[in-house]
Amino acid sequence: MTSLPRGRTGLLAAVAVLLLSCAAPARATGPRDPGQDWLLLDVTQGASRWAAPARTALLRCDPPRGHATATEACADLDAAGGDIAAVPPRKAPCTMIYRPVTAHAEGRWRGRSVAYTRTFPNACVLHAQTGSVFPPATGANGA
């Protein structure tokens, strides 16, 4: 079994505690209970998912919160049925500079487990392909 890097293990434990502390009794609303939707999103510099995350967010959509474009991210996910790979690509003037980033998402969306990992040539291409789902870069380097 592969062990998680120390930073990732602590982050996952913190998310688990947060989710358990915010848990409410189950509501009889059927399988589309948006209060149970959450995605742990991270973007790492490079082609390795196991590098230290450049940015991380816990996206919740009832109400939208978790990163600067949470409202748009929730709308993109709804439009794609929760499938990040099905988010319609956007036209963007991306450079051809190779500075890979790896996007990873795991959680639950509309009662289904979500697991997504993909490496993109650079952060611009990541956002062109995944819309607002992943948290935007806060630095000038686009990581």
N, C-alpha and C. Protein backbone atom coordinates (compact mmCIF):
# COMPACT_ATOMS: atom_id res chain seq x y z
N MET A 1 0.84 -1.18 0.00
CA MET A 1 0.00 0.00 0.00
C MET A 1 0.88 1.24 0.00
N THR A 2 0.57 2.22 -0.79
CA THR A 2 1.34 3.44 -0.89
C THR A 2 0.96 4.36 0.26
N SER A 3 1.95 4.94 0.91
CA SER A 3 1.65 5.85 2.00
C SER A 3 1.58 7.27 1.43
N LEU A 4 0.80 8.10 2.09
CA LEU A 4 0.64 9.48 1.66
C LEU A 4 1.73 10.33 2.30
N PRO A 5 2.20 11.35 1.60
CA PRO A 5 3.15 12.26 2.22
C PRO A 5 2.53 12.88 3.46
N ARG A 6 3.37 13.25 4.39
CA ARG A 6 2.91 13.76 5.67
C ARG A 6 1.92 14.92 5.52
N GLY A 7 2.20 15.87 4.62
CA GLY A 7 1.30 17.01 4.44
C GLY A 7 -0.06 16.60 3.93
N ARG A 8 -0.12 15.67 3.00
CA ARG A 8 -1.40 15.20 2.44
C ARG A 8 -2.20 14.47 3.51
N THR A 9 -1.54 13.63 4.32
CA THR A 9 -2.23 12.87 5.36
C THR A 9 -2.88 13.83 6.35
N GLY A 10 -2.14 14.84 6.77
CA GLY A 10 -2.69 15.82 7.71
C GLY A 10 -3.85 16.59 7.11
N LEU A 11 -3.74 16.94 5.85
CA LEU A 11 -4.81 17.67 5.17
C LEU A 11 -6.07 16.82 5.08
N LEU A 12 -5.92 15.55 4.69
CA LEU A 12 -7.08 14.67 4.61
C LEU A 12 -7.72 14.46 5.98
N ALA A 13 -6.90 14.34 7.02
CA ALA A 13 -7.44 14.18 8.37
C ALA A 13 -8.22 15.43 8.79
N ALA A 14 -7.68 16.60 8.46
CA ALA A 14 -8.36 17.86 8.80
C ALA A 14 -9.70 17.96 8.07
N VAL A 15 -9.73 17.57 6.80
CA VAL A 15 -10.98 17.60 6.04
C VAL A 15 -12.00 16.64 6.65
N ALA A 16 -11.55 15.45 7.03
CA ALA A 16 -12.45 14.47 7.64
C ALA A 16 -13.05 15.02 8.93
N VAL A 17 -12.22 15.63 9.77
CA VAL A 17 -12.72 16.21 11.02
C VAL A 17 -13.71 17.33 10.72
N LEU A 18 -13.39 18.18 9.75
CA LEU A 18 -14.29 19.27 9.38
C LEU A 18 -15.64 18.74 8.91
N LEU A 19 -15.61 17.75 8.04
CA LEU A 19 -16.85 17.20 7.51
C LEU A 19 -17.66 16.52 8.61
N LEU A 20 -17.00 15.79 9.50
CA LEU A 20 -17.72 15.13 10.59
C LEU A 20 -18.29 16.13 11.58
N SER A 21 -17.55 17.21 11.83
CA SER A 21 -18.05 18.20 12.79
C SER A 21 -19.21 19.00 12.22
N CYS A 22 -19.33 19.07 10.91
CA CYS A 22 -20.42 19.80 10.27
C CYS A 22 -21.57 18.89 9.86
N ALA A 23 -21.43 17.61 10.13
CA ALA A 23 -22.45 16.65 9.69
C ALA A 23 -23.78 16.93 10.38
N ALA A 24 -24.83 16.88 9.61
CA ALA A 24 -26.19 17.05 10.14
C ALA A 24 -26.92 15.73 9.93
N PRO A 25 -28.01 15.52 10.65
CA PRO A 25 -28.77 14.29 10.43
C PRO A 25 -29.21 14.20 8.97
N ALA A 26 -29.30 13.00 8.47
CA ALA A 26 -29.69 12.79 7.08
C ALA A 26 -31.08 13.37 6.83
N ARG A 27 -31.22 14.03 5.69
CA ARG A 27 -32.50 14.59 5.31
C ARG A 27 -33.11 13.72 4.23
N ALA A 28 -34.41 13.61 4.21
CA ALA A 28 -35.11 12.77 3.24
C ALA A 28 -35.35 13.55 1.96
N THR A 29 -34.26 13.91 1.26
CA THR A 29 -34.39 14.68 0.03
C THR A 29 -34.00 13.87 -1.19
N GLY A 30 -33.72 12.60 -1.03
CA GLY A 30 -33.35 11.77 -2.16
C GLY A 30 -31.88 11.87 -2.47
N PRO A 31 -31.45 11.30 -3.59
CA PRO A 31 -30.04 11.23 -3.91
C PRO A 31 -29.40 12.56 -4.32
N ARG A 32 -30.19 13.57 -4.61
CA ARG A 32 -29.63 14.86 -5.02
C ARG A 32 -29.63 15.83 -3.86
N ASP A 33 -28.93 15.49 -2.79
CA ASP A 33 -28.83 16.35 -1.62
C ASP A 33 -27.58 17.20 -1.74
N PRO A 34 -27.70 18.44 -2.24
CA PRO A 34 -26.51 19.25 -2.48
C PRO A 34 -25.73 19.56 -1.20
N GLY A 35 -26.34 19.44 -0.03
CA GLY A 35 -25.62 19.67 1.21
C GLY A 35 -24.54 18.63 1.46
N GLN A 36 -24.60 17.53 0.75
CA GLN A 36 -23.61 16.47 0.91
C GLN A 36 -22.53 16.53 -0.17
N ASP A 37 -22.58 17.52 -1.05
CA ASP A 37 -21.58 17.66 -2.10
C ASP A 37 -20.34 18.34 -1.53
N TRP A 38 -19.19 17.74 -1.75
CA TRP A 38 -17.93 18.36 -1.37
C TRP A 38 -16.82 17.76 -2.22
N LEU A 39 -15.89 18.59 -2.59
CA LEU A 39 -14.72 18.12 -3.33
C LEU A 39 -13.48 18.75 -2.72
N LEU A 40 -12.51 17.92 -2.40
CA LEU A 40 -11.21 18.39 -1.99
C LEU A 40 -10.40 18.53 -3.26
N LEU A 41 -10.00 19.75 -3.58
CA LEU A 41 -9.32 20.07 -4.83
C LEU A 41 -7.90 20.52 -4.52
N ASP A 42 -6.94 20.01 -5.28
CA ASP A 42 -5.61 20.58 -5.16
C ASP A 42 -4.91 20.59 -6.50
N VAL A 43 -4.00 21.53 -6.62
CA VAL A 43 -3.19 21.68 -7.81
C VAL A 43 -1.74 21.67 -7.35
N THR A 44 -0.93 20.80 -7.95
CA THR A 44 0.48 20.73 -7.60
C THR A 44 1.31 21.14 -8.80
N GLN A 45 2.45 21.74 -8.52
CA GLN A 45 3.38 22.11 -9.58
C GLN A 45 4.11 20.85 -10.02
N GLY A 46 4.17 20.62 -11.31
CA GLY A 46 4.87 19.45 -11.84
C GLY A 46 3.91 18.35 -12.23
N ALA A 47 4.49 17.23 -12.65
CA ALA A 47 3.69 16.12 -13.16
C ALA A 47 3.41 15.07 -12.10
N SER A 48 3.76 15.33 -10.85
CA SER A 48 3.53 14.36 -9.79
C SER A 48 2.39 14.81 -8.90
N ARG A 49 1.43 13.93 -8.70
CA ARG A 49 0.31 14.23 -7.82
C ARG A 49 0.79 14.32 -6.38
N TRP A 50 1.92 13.72 -6.06
CA TRP A 50 2.36 13.63 -4.66
C TRP A 50 3.24 14.79 -4.24
N ALA A 51 3.47 15.76 -5.09
CA ALA A 51 4.22 16.94 -4.70
C ALA A 51 3.36 17.76 -3.73
N ALA A 52 3.99 18.65 -3.00
CA ALA A 52 3.25 19.51 -2.08
C ALA A 52 2.29 20.39 -2.90
N PRO A 53 1.01 20.45 -2.50
CA PRO A 53 0.05 21.25 -3.27
C PRO A 53 0.42 22.73 -3.32
N ALA A 54 0.32 23.31 -4.50
CA ALA A 54 0.53 24.75 -4.67
C ALA A 54 -0.69 25.50 -4.13
N ARG A 55 -1.86 24.89 -4.27
CA ARG A 55 -3.08 25.46 -3.72
C ARG A 55 -4.10 24.34 -3.50
N THR A 56 -4.88 24.49 -2.46
CA THR A 56 -5.85 23.48 -2.07
C THR A 56 -7.14 24.19 -1.66
N ALA A 57 -8.27 23.55 -1.92
CA ALA A 57 -9.56 24.11 -1.51
C ALA A 57 -10.54 22.98 -1.24
N LEU A 58 -11.44 23.24 -0.33
CA LEU A 58 -12.56 22.33 -0.08
C LEU A 58 -13.79 23.02 -0.65
N LEU A 59 -14.25 22.56 -1.80
CA LEU A 59 -15.39 23.17 -2.48
C LEU A 59 -16.68 22.58 -1.95
N ARG A 60 -17.56 23.45 -1.49
CA ARG A 60 -18.91 23.07 -1.08
C ARG A 60 -19.86 23.91 -1.92
N CYS A 61 -21.05 23.38 -2.22
CA CYS A 61 -21.94 24.09 -3.14
C CYS A 61 -23.32 24.40 -2.58
N ASP A 62 -23.54 24.28 -1.30
CA ASP A 62 -24.86 24.61 -0.74
C ASP A 62 -24.68 25.33 0.58
N PRO A 63 -24.37 26.61 0.56
CA PRO A 63 -24.13 27.53 -0.55
C PRO A 63 -22.71 27.39 -1.08
N PRO A 64 -22.45 27.93 -2.28
CA PRO A 64 -21.11 27.82 -2.85
C PRO A 64 -20.06 28.51 -1.96
N ARG A 65 -18.99 27.78 -1.65
CA ARG A 65 -17.90 28.32 -0.86
C ARG A 65 -16.69 27.41 -1.01
N GLY A 66 -15.55 27.91 -0.66
CA GLY A 66 -14.35 27.09 -0.69
C GLY A 66 -13.19 27.71 -1.45
N HIS A 67 -13.49 28.49 -2.49
CA HIS A 67 -12.43 29.26 -3.16
C HIS A 67 -13.06 30.43 -3.91
N ALA A 68 -12.22 31.27 -4.47
CA ALA A 68 -12.66 32.55 -5.04
C ALA A 68 -13.73 32.42 -6.12
N THR A 69 -13.77 31.31 -6.85
CA THR A 69 -14.74 31.16 -7.93
C THR A 69 -15.70 30.00 -7.62
N ALA A 70 -16.07 29.85 -6.37
CA ALA A 70 -16.91 28.71 -5.96
C ALA A 70 -18.26 28.70 -6.67
N THR A 71 -18.90 29.83 -6.84
CA THR A 71 -20.21 29.88 -7.52
C THR A 71 -20.08 29.36 -8.95
N GLU A 72 -19.06 29.82 -9.67
CA GLU A 72 -18.84 29.38 -11.03
C GLU A 72 -18.44 27.90 -11.08
N ALA A 73 -17.62 27.47 -10.11
CA ALA A 73 -17.19 26.07 -10.05
C ALA A 73 -18.39 25.15 -9.85
N CYS A 74 -19.29 25.51 -8.97
CA CYS A 74 -20.48 24.69 -8.73
C CYS A 74 -21.36 24.64 -9.98
N ALA A 75 -21.49 25.77 -10.68
CA ALA A 75 -22.26 25.80 -11.92
C ALA A 75 -21.61 24.93 -13.00
N ASP A 76 -20.27 24.99 -13.11
CA ASP A 76 -19.56 24.15 -14.08
C ASP A 76 -19.79 22.67 -13.77
N LEU A 77 -19.71 22.31 -12.49
CA LEU A 77 -19.91 20.91 -12.10
C LEU A 77 -21.35 20.47 -12.36
N ASP A 78 -22.32 21.33 -12.06
CA ASP A 78 -23.71 20.99 -12.34
C ASP A 78 -23.92 20.76 -13.84
N ALA A 79 -23.35 21.64 -14.66
CA ALA A 79 -23.51 21.52 -16.11
C ALA A 79 -22.88 20.24 -16.65
N ALA A 80 -21.83 19.76 -15.97
CA ALA A 80 -21.13 18.55 -16.43
C ALA A 80 -21.57 17.30 -15.67
N GLY A 81 -22.63 17.42 -14.88
CA GLY A 81 -23.10 16.26 -14.13
C GLY A 81 -22.09 15.76 -13.10
N GLY A 82 -21.23 16.66 -12.63
CA GLY A 82 -20.23 16.30 -11.63
C GLY A 82 -18.98 15.68 -12.21
N ASP A 83 -18.92 15.51 -13.52
CA ASP A 83 -17.76 14.90 -14.17
C ASP A 83 -16.80 16.00 -14.63
N ILE A 84 -15.70 16.17 -13.91
CA ILE A 84 -14.77 17.25 -14.23
C ILE A 84 -14.26 17.13 -15.67
N ALA A 85 -14.04 15.91 -16.12
CA ALA A 85 -13.56 15.71 -17.49
C ALA A 85 -14.58 16.14 -18.54
N ALA A 86 -15.85 16.29 -18.15
CA ALA A 86 -16.90 16.69 -19.08
C ALA A 86 -17.21 18.19 -19.04
N VAL A 87 -16.47 18.95 -18.22
CA VAL A 87 -16.67 20.41 -18.21
C VAL A 87 -16.31 20.93 -19.59
N PRO A 88 -17.21 21.69 -20.21
CA PRO A 88 -16.91 22.19 -21.57
C PRO A 88 -15.65 23.05 -21.57
N PRO A 89 -14.71 22.77 -22.48
CA PRO A 89 -13.49 23.57 -22.53
C PRO A 89 -13.79 25.00 -22.96
N ARG A 90 -12.97 25.90 -22.48
CA ARG A 90 -13.11 27.32 -22.83
C ARG A 90 -11.98 27.71 -23.76
N LYS A 91 -12.25 28.65 -24.63
CA LYS A 91 -11.19 29.18 -25.48
C LYS A 91 -10.37 30.13 -24.62
N ALA A 92 -9.06 29.92 -24.64
CA ALA A 92 -8.17 30.78 -23.87
C ALA A 92 -6.85 30.92 -24.61
N PRO A 93 -6.29 32.10 -24.61
CA PRO A 93 -5.00 32.31 -25.28
C PRO A 93 -3.84 31.85 -24.38
N CYS A 94 -3.62 30.55 -24.32
CA CYS A 94 -2.57 29.99 -23.46
C CYS A 94 -1.24 29.97 -24.20
N THR A 95 -0.18 30.23 -23.46
CA THR A 95 1.16 30.14 -24.04
C THR A 95 1.54 28.68 -24.21
N MET A 96 2.58 28.43 -24.95
CA MET A 96 3.04 27.05 -25.14
C MET A 96 4.23 26.75 -24.21
N ILE A 97 4.35 27.51 -23.14
CA ILE A 97 5.41 27.26 -22.16
C ILE A 97 5.04 26.03 -21.36
N TYR A 98 5.95 25.07 -21.31
CA TYR A 98 5.70 23.83 -20.58
C TYR A 98 6.10 24.02 -19.12
N ARG A 99 5.12 24.13 -18.28
CA ARG A 99 5.30 24.24 -16.84
C ARG A 99 4.15 23.43 -16.23
N PRO A 100 4.29 22.10 -16.20
CA PRO A 100 3.16 21.23 -15.87
C PRO A 100 2.59 21.44 -14.48
N VAL A 101 1.29 21.25 -14.40
CA VAL A 101 0.57 21.26 -13.13
C VAL A 101 -0.33 20.02 -13.12
N THR A 102 -0.51 19.45 -11.95
CA THR A 102 -1.38 18.30 -11.81
C THR A 102 -2.57 18.68 -10.93
N ALA A 103 -3.75 18.42 -11.46
CA ALA A 103 -4.99 18.72 -10.74
C ALA A 103 -5.55 17.42 -10.18
N HIS A 104 -6.01 17.48 -8.95
CA HIS A 104 -6.57 16.30 -8.29
C HIS A 104 -7.84 16.72 -7.55
N ALA A 105 -8.86 15.90 -7.67
CA ALA A 105 -10.11 16.13 -6.95
C ALA A 105 -10.61 14.81 -6.39
N GLU A 106 -11.10 14.85 -5.18
CA GLU A 106 -11.78 13.68 -4.63
C GLU A 106 -12.85 14.15 -3.68
N GLY A 107 -13.93 13.39 -3.62
CA GLY A 107 -15.04 13.74 -2.75
C GLY A 107 -16.33 13.09 -3.20
N ARG A 108 -17.44 13.82 -3.01
CA ARG A 108 -18.76 13.30 -3.37
C ARG A 108 -19.51 14.38 -4.13
N TRP A 109 -20.22 13.94 -5.17
CA TRP A 109 -21.06 14.87 -5.94
C TRP A 109 -22.36 14.17 -6.28
N ARG A 110 -23.46 14.71 -5.77
CA ARG A 110 -24.80 14.15 -6.01
C ARG A 110 -24.85 12.66 -5.67
N GLY A 111 -24.24 12.29 -4.54
CA GLY A 111 -24.30 10.93 -4.05
C GLY A 111 -23.30 9.97 -4.66
N ARG A 112 -22.45 10.46 -5.56
CA ARG A 112 -21.45 9.59 -6.19
C ARG A 112 -20.05 10.02 -5.79
N SER A 113 -19.17 9.04 -5.70
CA SER A 113 -17.76 9.34 -5.42
C SER A 113 -17.12 9.98 -6.64
N VAL A 114 -16.24 10.92 -6.38
CA VAL A 114 -15.50 11.59 -7.44
C VAL A 114 -14.02 11.38 -7.18
N ALA A 115 -13.30 10.95 -8.19
CA ALA A 115 -11.84 10.84 -8.15
C ALA A 115 -11.33 11.29 -9.51
N TYR A 116 -10.50 12.31 -9.53
CA TYR A 116 -10.01 12.88 -10.79
C TYR A 116 -8.56 13.29 -10.58
N THR A 117 -7.70 12.90 -11.49
CA THR A 117 -6.31 13.36 -11.50
C THR A 117 -5.89 13.50 -12.95
N ARG A 118 -5.31 14.65 -13.28
CA ARG A 118 -4.81 14.86 -14.63
C ARG A 118 -3.71 15.91 -14.60
N THR A 119 -2.69 15.70 -15.41
CA THR A 119 -1.60 16.65 -15.54
C THR A 119 -1.81 17.45 -16.82
N PHE A 120 -1.65 18.77 -16.70
CA PHE A 120 -1.82 19.70 -17.81
C PHE A 120 -0.48 20.37 -18.11
N PRO A 121 -0.27 20.83 -19.35
CA PRO A 121 1.02 21.45 -19.70
C PRO A 121 1.33 22.72 -18.91
N ASN A 122 0.29 23.46 -18.51
CA ASN A 122 0.48 24.66 -17.68
C ASN A 122 -0.86 25.04 -17.06
N ALA A 123 -0.83 26.01 -16.15
CA ALA A 123 -2.05 26.39 -15.42
C ALA A 123 -3.12 26.98 -16.33
N CYS A 124 -2.72 27.66 -17.39
CA CYS A 124 -3.71 28.23 -18.32
C CYS A 124 -4.52 27.12 -18.97
N VAL A 125 -3.85 26.08 -19.43
CA VAL A 125 -4.55 24.96 -20.06
C VAL A 125 -5.44 24.25 -19.04
N LEU A 126 -4.97 24.11 -17.80
CA LEU A 126 -5.80 23.53 -16.73
C LEU A 126 -7.13 24.26 -16.64
N HIS A 127 -7.09 25.57 -16.55
CA HIS A 127 -8.34 26.33 -16.39
C HIS A 127 -9.16 26.39 -17.68
N ALA A 128 -8.52 26.33 -18.82
CA ALA A 128 -9.27 26.27 -20.08
C ALA A 128 -10.03 24.95 -20.17
N GLN A 129 -9.46 23.87 -19.65
CA GLN A 129 -10.08 22.55 -19.74
C GLN A 129 -11.04 22.23 -18.60
N THR A 130 -10.87 22.86 -17.44
CA THR A 130 -11.71 22.51 -16.27
C THR A 130 -12.55 23.68 -15.77
N GLY A 131 -12.58 24.76 -16.51
CA GLY A 131 -13.41 25.89 -16.11
C GLY A 131 -12.96 26.47 -14.77
N SER A 132 -13.92 26.70 -13.91
CA SER A 132 -13.65 27.32 -12.61
C SER A 132 -13.50 26.30 -11.49
N VAL A 133 -13.49 25.01 -11.82
CA VAL A 133 -13.50 23.98 -10.78
C VAL A 133 -12.32 24.10 -9.83
N PHE A 134 -11.11 24.22 -10.36
CA PHE A 134 -9.93 24.27 -9.49
C PHE A 134 -9.66 25.69 -9.05
N PRO A 135 -9.16 25.86 -7.82
CA PRO A 135 -8.96 27.22 -7.30
C PRO A 135 -7.96 27.97 -8.16
N PRO A 136 -8.24 29.25 -8.39
CA PRO A 136 -7.34 30.06 -9.23
C PRO A 136 -6.03 30.31 -8.52
N ALA A 137 -4.99 30.57 -9.31
CA ALA A 137 -3.68 30.89 -8.78
C ALA A 137 -3.72 32.22 -8.06
N THR A 138 -2.99 32.29 -6.97
CA THR A 138 -2.93 33.54 -6.23
C THR A 138 -1.65 34.29 -6.50
N GLY A 139 -0.64 33.59 -7.03
CA GLY A 139 0.65 34.23 -7.31
C GLY A 139 0.75 34.68 -8.75
N ALA A 140 1.78 35.40 -9.04
CA ALA A 140 1.99 35.91 -10.39
C ALA A 140 2.54 34.84 -11.32
N ASN A 141 3.01 33.71 -10.76
CA ASN A 141 3.62 32.69 -11.61
C ASN A 141 2.62 31.75 -12.26
N GLY A 142 1.34 31.86 -11.94
CA GLY A 142 0.32 31.05 -12.57
C GLY A 142 0.27 29.63 -12.09
N ALA A 143 0.97 29.30 -11.01
CA ALA A 143 0.98 27.94 -10.50
C ALA A 143 -0.29 27.59 -9.79
